[in-house]
Protein backbone atom coordinates (compact mmCIF):
# COMPACT_ATOMS: atom_id res chain seq x y z
CA UNK A 1 112.10 125.77 79.70
CA UNK A 2 111.66 126.60 75.74
CA UNK A 3 114.22 127.14 73.80
CA UNK A 4 117.44 126.32 76.32
CA UNK A 5 119.95 126.51 73.58
CA UNK A 6 119.43 130.49 73.89
CA UNK A 7 119.69 130.33 77.96
CA UNK A 8 123.27 130.50 79.87
CA UNK A 9 123.32 127.45 82.08
CA UNK A 10 122.71 128.62 85.70
CA UNK A 11 124.48 125.97 86.79
CA UNK A 12 127.30 124.12 85.35
CA UNK A 13 129.07 120.65 87.50
CA UNK A 14 131.90 118.95 85.77
CA UNK A 15 133.75 115.91 86.62
CA UNK A 16 132.53 115.68 89.71
CA UNK A 17 133.44 113.04 91.77
CA UNK A 18 133.54 112.16 95.83
CA UNK A 19 135.89 109.54 97.13
CA UNK A 20 134.50 108.30 100.74
CA UNK A 21 137.13 105.61 102.75
CA UNK A 22 137.17 102.47 100.57
CA UNK A 23 133.85 104.04 98.62
CA UNK A 24 133.85 105.92 95.19
CA UNK A 25 130.64 107.28 95.43
CA UNK A 26 130.86 109.63 92.50
CA UNK A 27 133.10 109.46 89.22
CA UNK A 28 133.73 112.20 87.00
CA UNK A 29 129.57 113.14 87.07
CA UNK A 30 128.52 116.21 85.23
CA UNK A 31 124.45 118.07 84.92
CA UNK A 32 123.69 121.60 83.75
CA UNK A 33 120.44 123.42 84.81
CA UNK A 34 118.83 126.68 83.00
CA UNK A 35 116.91 129.10 84.68
CA UNK A 36 113.12 128.24 84.32
CA UNK A 37 113.15 124.81 84.18
CA UNK A 38 112.48 121.64 86.70
CA UNK A 39 115.17 118.59 86.21
CA UNK A 40 114.96 115.97 87.94
CA UNK A 41 117.75 113.63 88.86
CA UNK A 42 117.08 109.64 89.32
CA UNK A 43 118.78 106.71 89.71
CA UNK A 44 118.45 104.06 92.06
CA UNK A 45 119.65 104.43 96.40
CA UNK A 46 122.79 104.72 95.80
CA UNK A 47 123.22 105.98 92.91
CA UNK A 48 124.74 109.04 93.88
CA UNK A 49 121.80 111.41 93.74
CA UNK A 50 122.48 112.75 97.32
CA UNK A 51 125.92 112.54 97.53
CA UNK A 52 125.73 115.18 93.90
CA UNK A 53 123.24 117.38 95.66
CA UNK A 54 124.98 117.59 99.02
CA UNK A 55 128.41 118.70 97.09
CA UNK A 56 126.08 121.37 95.83
CA UNK A 57 124.82 122.27 98.46
CA UNK A 58 128.20 122.73 100.71
CA UNK A 59 127.41 119.50 103.20
CA UNK A 60 130.23 117.34 100.74
CA UNK A 61 133.49 119.30 99.27
CA UNK A 62 133.98 117.14 96.11
CA UNK A 63 137.30 115.59 95.33
CA UNK A 64 139.98 117.90 93.58
CA UNK A 65 139.49 118.72 90.01
CA UNK A 66 135.86 119.27 89.13
CA UNK A 67 134.38 122.67 88.36
CA UNK A 68 131.26 124.14 88.92
CA UNK A 69 130.15 126.90 87.37
CA UNK A 70 127.19 129.21 88.68
CA UNK A 71 125.80 131.63 86.35
CA UNK A 72 128.66 131.48 84.34
CA UNK A 73 131.43 131.88 86.66
CA UNK A 74 133.32 129.11 88.58
CA UNK A 75 133.08 128.78 91.61
CA UNK A 76 134.02 127.43 95.08
CA UNK A 77 131.50 125.55 97.48
CA UNK A 78 132.86 125.61 101.05
CA UNK A 79 130.11 125.09 103.35
CA UNK A 80 126.51 125.54 103.50
CA UNK A 81 126.15 128.93 104.04
CA UNK A 82 128.91 129.53 100.66
CA UNK A 83 126.50 127.56 98.64
CA UNK A 84 123.80 129.41 99.93
CA UNK A 85 125.57 132.89 99.62
CA UNK A 86 126.00 131.84 95.59
CA UNK A 87 122.37 131.07 95.52
CA UNK A 88 121.60 127.80 96.01
CA UNK A 89 118.75 126.64 98.77
CA UNK A 90 118.33 122.80 98.98
CA UNK A 91 114.80 121.53 101.00
CA UNK A 92 115.69 117.96 102.66
CA UNK A 93 113.27 115.09 103.07
CA UNK A 94 113.63 115.79 106.65
CA UNK A 95 112.90 119.38 106.98
CA UNK A 96 115.82 121.77 108.84
CA UNK A 97 113.12 123.73 111.01
CA UNK A 98 112.82 124.98 114.45
CA UNK A 99 109.35 124.03 115.30
CA UNK A 100 110.17 126.19 118.68
CA UNK A 101 110.72 129.25 116.75
CA UNK A 102 107.81 131.33 114.24
CA UNK A 103 107.89 131.17 110.65
CA UNK A 104 109.48 134.47 110.42
CA UNK A 105 112.27 133.33 112.60
CA UNK A 106 112.83 130.18 110.87
CA UNK A 107 113.27 132.37 107.29
CA UNK A 108 115.35 134.16 108.62
CA UNK A 109 117.81 131.72 110.93
CA UNK A 110 121.35 132.62 110.88
CA UNK A 111 120.77 136.03 109.02
CA UNK A 112 118.50 137.81 112.34
CA UNK A 113 117.77 141.42 111.06
CA UNK A 114 118.62 143.65 113.99
CA UNK A 115 118.49 146.71 116.06
CA UNK A 116 121.06 146.87 117.56
CA UNK A 117 122.13 143.82 120.29
CA UNK A 118 118.12 142.91 119.86
CA UNK A 119 116.29 140.86 117.22
CA UNK A 120 113.89 142.73 114.92
CA UNK A 121 111.27 140.72 114.91
CA UNK A 122 108.68 142.65 113.81
CA UNK A 123 110.94 144.07 110.80
CA UNK A 124 111.29 140.38 110.29
CA UNK A 125 107.64 139.09 110.37
CA UNK A 126 107.08 142.13 107.60
CA UNK A 127 109.44 141.58 105.58
CA UNK A 128 108.82 137.96 104.85
CA UNK A 129 104.97 138.87 104.76
CA UNK A 130 104.95 139.19 100.97
CA UNK A 131 106.65 136.16 100.24
CA UNK A 132 104.41 134.08 102.33
CA UNK A 133 101.27 135.78 100.34
CA UNK A 134 103.10 134.77 97.04
CA UNK A 135 103.19 131.30 97.83
CA UNK A 136 99.75 131.14 99.56
CA UNK A 137 100.10 130.22 102.91
CA UNK A 138 97.41 130.46 105.22
CA UNK A 139 99.47 131.10 108.21
CA UNK A 140 100.96 133.91 109.25
CA UNK A 141 104.84 135.08 110.18
CA UNK A 142 104.54 135.12 113.55
CA UNK A 143 102.84 131.43 114.25
CA UNK A 144 104.76 128.69 115.49
CA UNK A 145 106.34 126.09 113.25
CA UNK A 146 105.23 123.39 115.73
CA UNK A 147 102.08 123.82 114.66
CA UNK A 148 101.91 123.76 111.04
CA UNK A 149 101.24 120.46 109.07
CA UNK A 150 104.05 119.05 106.84
CA UNK A 151 102.77 120.74 103.52
CA UNK A 152 102.86 123.88 105.49
CA UNK A 153 106.28 122.97 106.51
CA UNK A 154 107.72 122.91 103.25
CA UNK A 155 106.17 126.41 102.78
CA UNK A 156 108.21 127.57 105.20
CA UNK A 157 111.62 126.14 104.12
CA UNK A 158 110.85 127.04 100.37
CA UNK A 159 109.73 130.50 101.83
CA UNK A 160 113.87 130.90 103.18
CA UNK A 161 114.89 129.88 100.30
CA UNK A 162 113.20 132.89 97.94
CA UNK A 163 113.94 135.27 101.18
CA UNK A 164 117.47 134.40 100.57
CA UNK A 165 116.95 135.30 96.96
CA UNK A 166 117.77 131.54 95.59
CA UNK A 167 118.05 131.09 92.25
CA UNK A 168 118.81 127.28 92.41
CA UNK A 169 116.29 125.15 94.35
CA UNK A 170 116.78 121.42 95.28
CA UNK A 171 113.95 119.81 96.24
CA UNK A 172 114.46 115.92 97.60
CA UNK A 173 111.27 113.55 97.72
CA UNK A 174 109.18 116.45 98.70
CA UNK A 175 105.87 114.92 98.29
CA UNK A 176 107.05 111.95 100.47
CA UNK A 177 105.06 112.86 103.42
CA UNK A 178 101.95 114.46 101.56
CA UNK A 179 98.38 113.65 100.62
CA UNK A 180 97.18 114.12 97.23
CA UNK A 181 95.44 116.96 97.63
CA UNK A 182 98.85 118.36 99.39
CA UNK A 183 100.98 117.22 97.02
CA UNK A 184 98.71 118.86 93.91
CA UNK A 185 99.63 122.04 95.82
CA UNK A 186 102.98 121.32 95.80
CA UNK A 187 102.73 120.96 92.33
CA UNK A 188 101.17 124.29 91.06
CA UNK A 189 103.85 126.02 93.14
CA UNK A 190 106.65 124.86 91.40
CA UNK A 191 105.18 125.58 88.25
CA UNK A 192 104.49 128.86 89.71
CA UNK A 193 108.80 129.24 90.14
CA UNK A 194 109.80 127.48 87.21
CA UNK A 195 107.56 130.57 85.59
CA UNK A 196 109.35 132.46 87.38
CA UNK A 197 112.40 131.69 86.51
CA UNK A 198 113.84 130.02 89.45
CA UNK A 199 115.97 126.66 88.72
CA UNK A 200 114.82 123.48 90.04
CA UNK A 201 116.52 120.24 90.51
CA UNK A 202 113.77 117.69 91.67
CA UNK A 203 114.60 114.40 92.99
CA UNK A 204 112.17 111.79 93.23
CA UNK A 205 111.35 107.87 93.20
CA UNK A 206 107.89 108.53 91.51
CA UNK A 207 107.49 108.43 87.93
CA UNK A 208 104.05 109.62 87.52
CA UNK A 209 105.66 112.87 89.08
CA UNK A 210 108.94 112.71 86.77
CA UNK A 211 106.42 113.01 84.14
CA UNK A 212 104.12 115.37 85.54
CA UNK A 213 106.88 118.16 86.37
CA UNK A 214 110.14 117.61 84.35
CA UNK A 215 111.59 119.51 81.61
CA UNK A 216 114.39 117.00 81.29
CA UNK A 217 115.82 114.08 83.48
CA UNK A 218 119.22 113.13 84.10
CA UNK A 219 119.83 109.26 85.60
CA UNK A 220 122.49 107.98 87.44
CA UNK A 221 123.35 104.92 88.21
CA UNK A 222 126.37 103.27 90.42
CA UNK A 223 128.10 107.11 91.12
CA UNK A 224 128.19 107.70 86.97
CA UNK A 225 126.46 109.42 84.97
CA UNK A 226 124.26 107.78 82.16
CA UNK A 227 122.16 110.61 80.54
CA UNK A 228 119.87 113.27 80.41
CA UNK A 229 116.53 112.67 78.77
CA UNK A 230 114.42 115.63 77.34
CA UNK A 231 111.10 115.81 78.38
CA UNK A 232 109.72 114.18 74.85
CA UNK A 233 112.08 111.28 75.17
CA UNK A 234 110.69 110.12 78.46
CA UNK A 235 108.98 106.87 78.90
CA UNK A 236 109.21 104.55 81.97
CA UNK A 237 110.95 101.91 80.23
CA UNK A 238 113.78 104.28 79.22
CA UNK A 239 113.75 105.47 82.73
CA UNK A 240 114.06 102.26 83.75
CA UNK A 241 116.76 100.88 81.53
CA UNK A 242 118.80 103.61 82.32
CA UNK A 243 118.85 103.34 85.69
CA UNK A 244 119.20 99.75 86.77
CA UNK A 245 121.30 98.81 83.49
CA UNK A 246 118.60 96.09 82.23
CA UNK A 247 115.15 95.49 81.50
CA UNK A 248 112.78 95.28 84.12
CA UNK A 249 109.85 96.48 83.03
CA UNK A 250 107.59 93.29 83.27
CA UNK A 251 108.38 93.14 87.56
CA UNK A 252 105.10 93.75 88.41
CA UNK A 253 103.57 91.36 86.21
CA UNK A 254 102.03 88.53 88.37
CA UNK A 255 100.34 85.25 86.63
CA UNK A 256 97.81 84.80 88.77
CA UNK A 257 97.13 81.25 88.12
CA UNK A 258 94.03 79.24 89.30
CA UNK A 259 94.10 79.24 93.00
CA UNK A 260 95.38 76.12 94.71
CA UNK A 261 96.60 76.84 97.98
CA UNK A 262 98.35 74.90 100.83
CA UNK A 263 97.46 74.26 104.15
CA UNK A 264 96.15 76.42 106.33
CA UNK A 265 98.62 78.15 108.44
CA UNK A 266 97.37 81.03 110.13
CA UNK A 267 93.90 81.25 111.32
CA UNK A 268 93.04 84.84 112.40
CA UNK A 269 89.18 85.08 114.02
CA UNK A 270 87.16 87.96 115.10
CA UNK A 271 90.31 90.62 115.75
CA UNK A 272 89.59 93.72 116.48
CA UNK A 273 91.16 96.94 118.55
CA UNK A 274 87.52 98.58 119.55
CA UNK A 275 88.50 101.59 117.72
CA UNK A 276 90.17 101.21 114.44
CA UNK A 277 90.17 97.63 113.20
CA UNK A 278 86.56 96.37 113.73
CA UNK A 279 86.22 92.23 114.30
CA UNK A 280 88.16 91.20 110.89
CA UNK A 281 89.15 87.58 110.07
CA UNK A 282 90.48 85.44 107.41
CA UNK A 283 92.84 82.36 106.51
CA UNK A 284 96.60 82.45 105.24
CA UNK A 285 97.87 79.35 103.40
CA UNK A 286 101.29 77.71 103.41
CA UNK A 287 103.46 79.28 100.10
CA UNK A 288 100.26 82.09 99.64
CA UNK A 289 101.21 85.55 99.40
CA UNK A 290 98.04 87.53 100.37
CA UNK A 291 98.14 91.02 99.64
CA UNK A 292 95.91 93.57 102.28
CA UNK A 293 94.84 96.68 100.25
CA UNK A 294 93.16 99.96 101.15
CA UNK A 295 93.23 104.09 101.46
CA UNK A 296 95.51 105.35 103.63
CA UNK A 297 93.75 105.18 107.20
CA UNK A 298 92.14 101.81 106.31
CA UNK A 299 93.30 100.12 109.20
CA UNK A 300 95.56 97.77 107.03
CA UNK A 301 99.13 98.50 109.75
CA UNK A 302 96.89 98.33 112.59
CA UNK A 303 95.25 95.00 111.85
CA UNK A 304 98.67 93.93 110.96
CA UNK A 305 99.95 95.04 114.75
CA UNK A 306 97.32 93.41 116.39
CA UNK A 307 98.21 90.40 114.77
CA UNK A 308 101.96 91.30 116.10
CA UNK A 309 100.74 91.35 119.51
CA UNK A 310 102.36 94.96 118.68
CA UNK A 311 99.01 96.96 119.59
CA UNK A 312 96.63 95.48 122.54
CA UNK A 313 93.35 93.89 121.20
CA UNK A 314 89.83 93.79 122.60
CA UNK A 315 88.82 90.72 121.20
CA UNK A 316 90.19 87.67 118.52
CA UNK A 317 91.74 84.59 118.21
CA UNK A 318 94.34 82.88 116.61
CA UNK A 319 95.54 79.46 115.01
CA UNK A 320 98.94 78.57 113.85
CA UNK A 321 98.39 75.03 111.95
CA UNK A 322 95.39 74.46 113.44
CA UNK A 323 96.36 74.91 116.99
CA UNK A 324 94.89 78.24 119.41
CA UNK A 325 97.90 80.33 120.18
CA UNK A 326 97.96 83.32 122.72
CA UNK A 327 99.29 86.21 120.91
CA UNK A 328 100.15 89.17 123.31
CA UNK A 329 103.12 90.74 122.72
CA UNK A 330 105.83 90.37 120.03
CA UNK A 331 107.62 87.70 121.45
CA UNK A 332 104.58 85.50 121.42
CA UNK A 333 104.07 86.28 117.79
CA UNK A 334 107.75 85.43 117.17
CA UNK A 335 107.48 82.25 119.32
CA UNK A 336 104.36 81.32 117.10
CA UNK A 337 106.21 81.82 113.92
CA UNK A 338 104.84 85.25 113.17
CA UNK A 339 107.26 88.55 111.97
CA UNK A 340 106.48 91.58 111.08
CA UNK A 341 108.59 94.05 108.68
CA UNK A 342 107.47 97.41 110.23
CA UNK A 343 106.42 100.42 107.41
CA UNK A 344 108.90 102.66 109.55
CA UNK A 345 112.29 100.68 108.94
CA UNK A 346 114.40 103.68 110.76
CA UNK A 347 112.09 104.72 113.66
CA UNK A 348 111.32 100.99 114.59
CA UNK A 349 113.34 98.80 112.98
CA UNK A 350 116.52 99.00 112.18
CA UNK A 351 119.24 99.93 114.86
CA UNK A 352 121.01 102.97 112.66
CA UNK A 353 124.38 103.14 114.70
CA UNK A 354 124.88 99.27 114.54
CA UNK A 355 127.01 97.59 111.96
CA UNK A 356 125.03 95.53 109.11
CA UNK A 357 126.15 92.21 111.33
CA UNK A 358 124.54 92.78 114.60
CA UNK A 359 121.26 93.91 113.27
CA UNK A 360 121.34 90.79 111.02
CA UNK A 361 121.97 88.93 114.38
CA UNK A 362 119.96 90.65 116.97
CA UNK A 363 117.52 87.63 117.08
CA UNK A 364 119.34 85.07 116.14
CA UNK A 365 122.42 85.33 118.26
CA UNK A 366 121.18 84.15 121.75
CA UNK A 367 120.80 80.56 119.94
CA UNK A 368 124.64 80.13 119.37
CA UNK A 369 125.76 81.91 122.50
CA UNK A 370 128.87 80.60 124.00
CA UNK A 371 128.85 79.73 127.82
CA UNK A 372 127.72 82.61 129.91
CA UNK A 373 126.00 84.40 127.43
CA UNK A 374 129.08 85.53 125.24
CA UNK A 375 127.85 86.10 121.47
CA UNK A 376 129.84 83.96 119.01
CA UNK A 377 131.43 86.25 116.22
CA UNK A 378 132.17 83.48 113.88
CA UNK A 379 128.66 82.15 113.71
CA UNK A 380 127.23 85.96 113.56
CA UNK A 381 129.86 86.97 110.83
CA UNK A 382 128.87 83.70 109.03
CA UNK A 383 125.14 84.47 109.27
CA UNK A 384 125.74 88.06 108.38
CA UNK A 385 127.56 87.21 104.85
CA UNK A 386 125.41 84.65 103.90
CA UNK A 387 122.59 86.77 104.20
CA UNK A 388 124.87 89.57 102.20
CA UNK A 389 125.14 86.82 99.37
CA UNK A 390 121.46 85.44 99.84
CA UNK A 391 119.21 88.91 99.54
CA UNK A 392 122.32 90.41 97.86
CA UNK A 393 123.04 93.50 100.24
CA UNK A 394 125.04 96.21 98.48
CA UNK A 395 127.74 96.30 100.97
CA UNK A 396 131.50 96.82 101.27
CA UNK A 397 131.16 94.07 104.36
CA UNK A 398 129.04 93.50 107.45
CA UNK A 399 131.10 95.93 109.17
CA UNK A 400 129.51 98.34 108.30
CA UNK A 401 126.46 100.57 109.72
CA UNK A 402 122.80 100.12 108.93
CA UNK A 403 122.55 104.14 108.93
CA UNK A 404 124.98 104.38 105.59
CA UNK A 405 123.03 101.92 103.25
CA UNK A 406 120.40 102.73 100.74
CA UNK A 407 117.02 102.41 101.94
CA UNK A 408 116.91 99.55 99.58
CA UNK A 409 119.87 98.09 100.97
CA UNK A 410 118.38 98.65 104.59
CA UNK A 411 115.14 96.89 104.42
CA UNK A 412 116.86 93.74 103.21
CA UNK A 413 119.12 93.96 105.99
CA UNK A 414 115.84 94.16 108.39
CA UNK A 415 114.42 91.17 106.00
CA UNK A 416 117.25 89.16 106.51
CA UNK A 417 117.01 89.86 110.19
CA UNK A 418 113.51 88.33 110.24
CA UNK A 419 114.06 85.49 107.77
CA UNK A 420 116.71 84.39 110.47
CA UNK A 421 113.87 83.53 112.61
CA UNK A 422 112.84 81.23 110.00
CA UNK A 423 108.89 82.30 110.40
CA UNK A 424 105.84 80.30 109.10
CA UNK A 425 104.23 84.08 108.79
CA UNK A 426 105.55 86.87 107.61
CA UNK A 427 104.05 89.86 107.33
CA UNK A 428 105.34 92.93 105.08
CA UNK A 429 104.07 96.24 105.83
CA UNK A 430 104.81 98.71 102.68
CA UNK A 431 108.13 96.65 102.32
CA UNK A 432 109.49 99.10 99.43
CA UNK A 433 108.48 102.61 100.72
CA UNK A 434 111.32 104.53 100.01
CA UNK A 435 113.47 102.30 97.57
CA UNK A 436 113.89 102.52 94.44
CA UNK A 437 112.85 100.28 90.94
CA UNK A 438 115.80 98.56 91.09
CA UNK A 439 115.62 97.57 95.07
CA UNK A 440 111.83 96.76 94.11
CA UNK A 441 112.75 94.06 91.90
CA UNK A 442 115.14 92.69 94.50
CA UNK A 443 112.09 92.45 97.04
CA UNK A 444 109.23 90.80 94.50
CA UNK A 445 112.39 88.29 93.54
CA UNK A 446 112.73 87.50 97.62
CA UNK A 447 109.12 86.99 97.83
CA UNK A 448 108.35 85.09 95.49
CA UNK A 449 111.28 82.84 96.72
CA UNK A 450 109.83 82.75 100.42
CA UNK A 451 106.73 81.54 98.95
CA UNK A 452 108.30 79.02 97.31
CA UNK A 453 110.02 77.50 100.03
CA UNK A 454 105.92 77.52 101.80
CA UNK A 455 106.47 80.19 104.14
CA UNK A 456 103.21 82.31 104.19
CA UNK A 457 103.17 86.44 103.07
CA UNK A 458 101.02 88.76 104.03
CA UNK A 459 102.11 92.18 101.87
CA UNK A 460 100.65 95.55 103.04
CA UNK A 461 100.84 98.26 100.15
CA UNK A 462 99.88 101.87 99.10
CA UNK A 463 101.23 100.92 95.75
CA UNK A 464 98.54 99.30 93.76
CA UNK A 465 100.43 98.08 90.72
CA UNK A 466 102.76 96.56 93.40
CA UNK A 467 99.72 94.49 95.12
CA UNK A 468 98.43 92.91 91.87
CA UNK A 469 101.78 92.53 90.78
CA UNK A 470 102.66 90.51 94.02
CA UNK A 471 99.33 88.96 95.03
CA UNK A 472 97.73 85.57 94.92
CA UNK A 473 94.66 86.89 96.20
CA UNK A 474 93.51 90.17 97.80
CA UNK A 475 91.22 91.07 100.76
CA UNK A 476 90.69 94.75 100.78
CA UNK A 477 90.04 97.17 104.07
CA UNK A 478 87.91 100.24 103.87
CA UNK A 479 86.97 102.06 107.26
CA UNK A 480 88.70 99.20 109.55
CA UNK A 481 87.07 96.39 108.05
CA UNK A 482 87.88 93.65 105.49
CA UNK A 483 85.30 94.48 102.95
CA UNK A 484 86.49 92.19 100.10
CA UNK A 485 88.43 89.42 98.57
CA UNK A 486 89.95 89.31 94.80
CA UNK A 487 91.71 86.32 93.81
CA UNK A 488 91.34 83.00 95.50
CA UNK A 489 88.02 81.49 95.22
CA UNK A 490 86.06 84.32 94.78
CA UNK A 491 85.68 84.73 91.01
CA UNK A 492 86.87 88.35 90.74
CA UNK A 493 90.33 89.13 89.27
CA UNK A 494 92.90 90.78 90.63
CA UNK A 495 93.16 94.36 88.97
CA UNK A 496 93.56 98.02 90.61
CA UNK A 497 90.37 99.07 89.28
CA UNK A 498 88.41 96.48 91.24
CA UNK A 499 90.85 97.27 94.50
CA UNK A 500 89.43 100.85 94.12
CA UNK A 501 85.96 99.88 94.10
CA UNK A 502 86.16 97.64 97.18
CA UNK A 503 88.71 100.69 98.84
CA UNK A 504 86.15 103.32 98.06
CA UNK A 505 82.65 101.47 98.78
CA UNK A 506 81.59 101.08 94.78
CA UNK A 507 82.22 97.85 94.93
CA UNK A 508 80.28 94.99 96.67
CA UNK A 509 80.66 93.52 100.31
CA UNK A 510 82.50 90.00 100.75
CA UNK A 511 79.40 88.31 102.72
CA UNK A 512 81.86 85.42 102.95
CA UNK A 513 84.79 87.78 104.87
CA UNK A 514 82.48 88.79 107.40
CA UNK A 515 81.35 85.71 108.28
CA UNK A 516 85.22 84.62 109.10
CA UNK A 517 85.47 87.85 110.76
């Protein structure tokens, strides 16, 4: 965007507030958007970004007293169809497509063309063909959506917005499911749409994306508008300070002192599933934070699930405190003192329609159940409230459903459930995926506190600064094999460059790791 002072805003949201029962989600928030700009919206989870965008999309109705202007005219958005009629299109992180329908049928969903009582499918396919060509799509209008990749399905969503003559396009964390190559293609398309005059609101937690795409960035914190920065004003320090209200620029910086391990709490030998994990082994020490790094598909999660008994292995022995244990199921692992925080907290971790209290107590309530197996509600409340205080979970009370919480607070609830088991070994798989910078800082604090108490922690992460900033020692996997060690007794520093060397095969292999396996 150039010369924004000469342009009329395509969107003005003034004094927008939103109240839910017991919660003020937005307080007098304003947002201005110009044609031909990418305007990024940032803030911690729970800051109000999604609420503001849902008001713009018609999913929510704002409190009385606000004003929304589109194209200079005051408008009332009283539902999703109203928003679409006004030229607002939203592409959510969870794509809203019907997999069993064709591309053309999805693009025209709710606005089908007809020949009398019959849907004019051929005409719809012809009409959307030009849009798909303009977007560089390789698939046809009659392709069934279920056969498309996630990146291709995003193109269908964008095509639907363009076919509906959208003037404002909202994109909510669009790169989360994409590979690096797919992300590059999406960025090229966003720049093309911007050059054509489309106004884009881009919601993301990823700083690199914000720097690469944004003409301006607006920040929300705790439901309030903090400010807007022009591209020339962007810096990590300024954005972080605006988002969290404090300086946490050093929260990735761990002091790597000389390796002084405690006793070996867990020994893993020769673990393999015969497919994606080759024979692997290592020792884990009391109070140690061990990072496991590698490229996507290297086998990190698969190794963790084998240790936890979630997947079947064909070989492997494990000792806890020097004593051999048999782990064939997750319950075996829990009984041995090993717990695992899954990378898929919504699908495999939390019960989203249950309360915070019940989620925290799932694994511990049987310990203090009353005669006949009746849940001890007093003890359950006490346990939940204690976890809320200790992990600083932002929630009005423990009876709120977990599904209503932000990603960072959901992650803390899941973590608190595992800690109630009082584990010796805690495996964290992508512990900060989908959470904001402030929540990351809190999770790192929790990891450090657990290590100080003597808990052995394994951190699996795709974010190299996170691995470098949290781990005392790092093991690197490549193609299902542990190929190198950094820190510890290896003599090699823990850096992003050294991790990449090992992960890509540019660095040497660790004979010690091969022998341990």
